[in-house]
Amino acid sequence: MCANLQVVFHYACIRTQMYVYPKGSE
């Protein structure tokens, strides 16, 4: 999902997923 984004945005995207899906690893 976030793999095609730049590193900074990729990290932010992962952070967002942590908030949206706190029980998800990917």
PDB file of N, CA and C in Angstrom:
ATOM      1  N   MET A   1       0.841  -1.205   0.000  1.00  0.00           N
ATOM      2  CA  MET A   1       0.000   0.000   0.000  1.00  0.00           C
ATOM      3  C   MET A   1       0.876   1.255   0.000  1.00  0.00           C
ATOM      4  N   CYS A   2       1.887   1.247   0.858  1.00  0.00           N
ATOM      5  CA  CYS A   2       2.720   2.446   1.020  1.00  0.00           C
ATOM      6  C   CYS A   2       4.092   2.269   0.383  1.00  0.00           C
ATOM      7  N   ALA A   3       4.349   1.096  -0.156  1.00  0.00           N
ATOM      8  CA  ALA A   3       5.692   0.770  -0.625  1.00  0.00           C
ATOM      9  C   ALA A   3       6.133   1.621  -1.811  1.00  0.00           C
ATOM     10  N   ASN A   4       5.172   2.179  -2.554  1.00  0.00           N
ATOM     11  CA  ASN A   4       5.518   2.948  -3.747  1.00  0.00           C
ATOM     12  C   ASN A   4       5.703   4.428  -3.441  1.00  0.00           C
ATOM     13  N   LEU A   5       5.592   4.796  -2.168  1.00  0.00           N
ATOM     14  CA  LEU A   5       5.773   6.196  -1.783  1.00  0.00           C
ATOM     15  C   LEU A   5       7.215   6.443  -1.386  1.00  0.00           C
ATOM     16  N   GLN A   6       7.599   7.725  -1.308  1.00  0.00           N
ATOM     17  CA  GLN A   6       8.953   8.063  -0.869  1.00  0.00           C
ATOM     18  C   GLN A   6       9.128   7.681   0.599  1.00  0.00           C
ATOM     19  N   VAL A   7      10.382   7.605   1.027  1.00  0.00           N
ATOM     20  CA  VAL A   7      10.696   7.093   2.365  1.00  0.00           C
ATOM     21  C   VAL A   7       9.945   7.844   3.459  1.00  0.00           C
ATOM     22  N   VAL A   8       9.963   9.169   3.401  1.00  0.00           N
ATOM     23  CA  VAL A   8       9.316   9.980   4.436  1.00  0.00           C
ATOM     24  C   VAL A   8       7.819   9.734   4.454  1.00  0.00           C
ATOM     25  N   PHE A   9       7.210   9.751   3.267  1.00  0.00           N
ATOM     26  CA  PHE A   9       5.770   9.526   3.183  1.00  0.00           C
ATOM     27  C   PHE A   9       5.446   8.076   3.524  1.00  0.00           C
ATOM     28  N   HIS A  10       6.340   7.173   3.156  1.00  0.00           N
ATOM     29  CA  HIS A  10       6.156   5.761   3.472  1.00  0.00           C
ATOM     30  C   HIS A  10       6.097   5.562   4.983  1.00  0.00           C
ATOM     31  N   TYR A  11       7.020   6.218   5.701  1.00  0.00           N
ATOM     32  CA  TYR A  11       7.046   6.132   7.158  1.00  0.00           C
ATOM     33  C   TYR A  11       5.771   6.713   7.748  1.00  0.00           C
ATOM     34  N   ALA A  12       5.356   7.874   7.234  1.00  0.00           N
ATOM     35  CA  ALA A  12       4.134   8.517   7.711  1.00  0.00           C
ATOM     36  C   ALA A  12       2.925   7.632   7.430  1.00  0.00           C
ATOM     37  N   CYS A  13       2.954   6.971   6.291  1.00  0.00           N
ATOM     38  CA  CYS A  13       1.847   6.085   5.920  1.00  0.00           C
ATOM     39  C   CYS A  13       1.765   4.911   6.889  1.00  0.00           C
ATOM     40  N   ILE A  14       2.918   4.365   7.247  1.00  0.00           N
ATOM     41  CA  ILE A  14       2.951   3.269   8.218  1.00  0.00           C
ATOM     42  C   ILE A  14       2.429   3.743   9.570  1.00  0.00           C
ATOM     43  N   ARG A  15       2.849   4.949   9.966  1.00  0.00           N
ATOM     44  CA  ARG A  15       2.378   5.540  11.222  1.00  0.00           C
ATOM     45  C   ARG A  15       0.863   5.659  11.215  1.00  0.00           C
ATOM     46  N   THR A  16       0.320   6.093  10.072  1.00  0.00           N
ATOM     47  CA  THR A  16      -1.128   6.242   9.928  1.00  0.00           C
ATOM     48  C   THR A  16      -1.810   4.891  10.080  1.00  0.00           C
ATOM     49  N   GLN A  17      -1.218   3.854   9.475  1.00  0.00           N
ATOM     50  CA  GLN A  17      -1.796   2.519   9.580  1.00  0.00           C
ATOM     51  C   GLN A  17      -1.798   2.047  11.025  1.00  0.00           C
ATOM     52  N   MET A  18      -0.783   2.446  11.794  1.00  0.00           N
ATOM     53  CA  MET A  18      -0.717   2.068  13.207  1.00  0.00           C
ATOM     54  C   MET A  18      -1.890   2.657  13.986  1.00  0.00           C
ATOM     55  N   TYR A  19      -2.284   3.880  13.601  1.00  0.00           N
ATOM     56  CA  TYR A  19      -3.421   4.524  14.267  1.00  0.00           C
ATOM     57  C   TYR A  19      -4.741   3.935  13.780  1.00  0.00           C
ATOM     58  N   VAL A  20      -4.812   3.656  12.471  1.00  0.00           N
ATOM     59  CA  VAL A  20      -6.051   3.143  11.891  1.00  0.00           C
ATOM     60  C   VAL A  20      -6.208   1.657  12.208  1.00  0.00           C
ATOM     61  N   TYR A  21      -5.093   0.912  12.070  1.00  0.00           N
ATOM     62  CA  TYR A  21      -5.123  -0.520  12.345  1.00  0.00           C
ATOM     63  C   TYR A  21      -4.039  -0.864  13.362  1.00  0.00           C
ATOM     64  N   PRO A  22      -4.259  -0.533  14.642  1.00  0.00           N
ATOM     65  CA  PRO A  22      -3.249  -0.753  15.673  1.00  0.00           C
ATOM     66  C   PRO A  22      -2.903  -2.226  15.868  1.00  0.00           C
ATOM     67  N   LYS A  23      -3.782  -3.120  15.434  1.00  0.00           N
ATOM     68  CA  LYS A  23      -3.526  -4.550  15.588  1.00  0.00           C
ATOM     69  C   LYS A  23      -2.947  -5.163  14.315  1.00  0.00           C
ATOM     70  N   GLY A  24      -2.639  -4.307  13.310  1.00  0.00           N
ATOM     71  CA  GLY A  24      -2.070  -4.776  12.056  1.00  0.00           C
ATOM     72  C   GLY A  24      -0.582  -4.503  12.003  1.00  0.00           C
ATOM     73  N   SER A  25       0.180  -5.404  11.434  1.00  0.00           N
ATOM     74  CA  SER A  25       1.628  -5.234  11.364  1.00  0.00           C
ATOM     75  C   SER A  25       2.036  -4.588  10.047  1.00  0.00           C
ATOM     76  N   GLU A  26       1.361  -4.922   8.970  1.00  0.00           N
ATOM     77  CA  GLU A  26       1.712  -4.430   7.647  1.00  0.00           C
ATOM     78  C   GLU A  26       1.060  -3.087   7.384  1.00  0.00           C
TER      79      GLU A  26
END
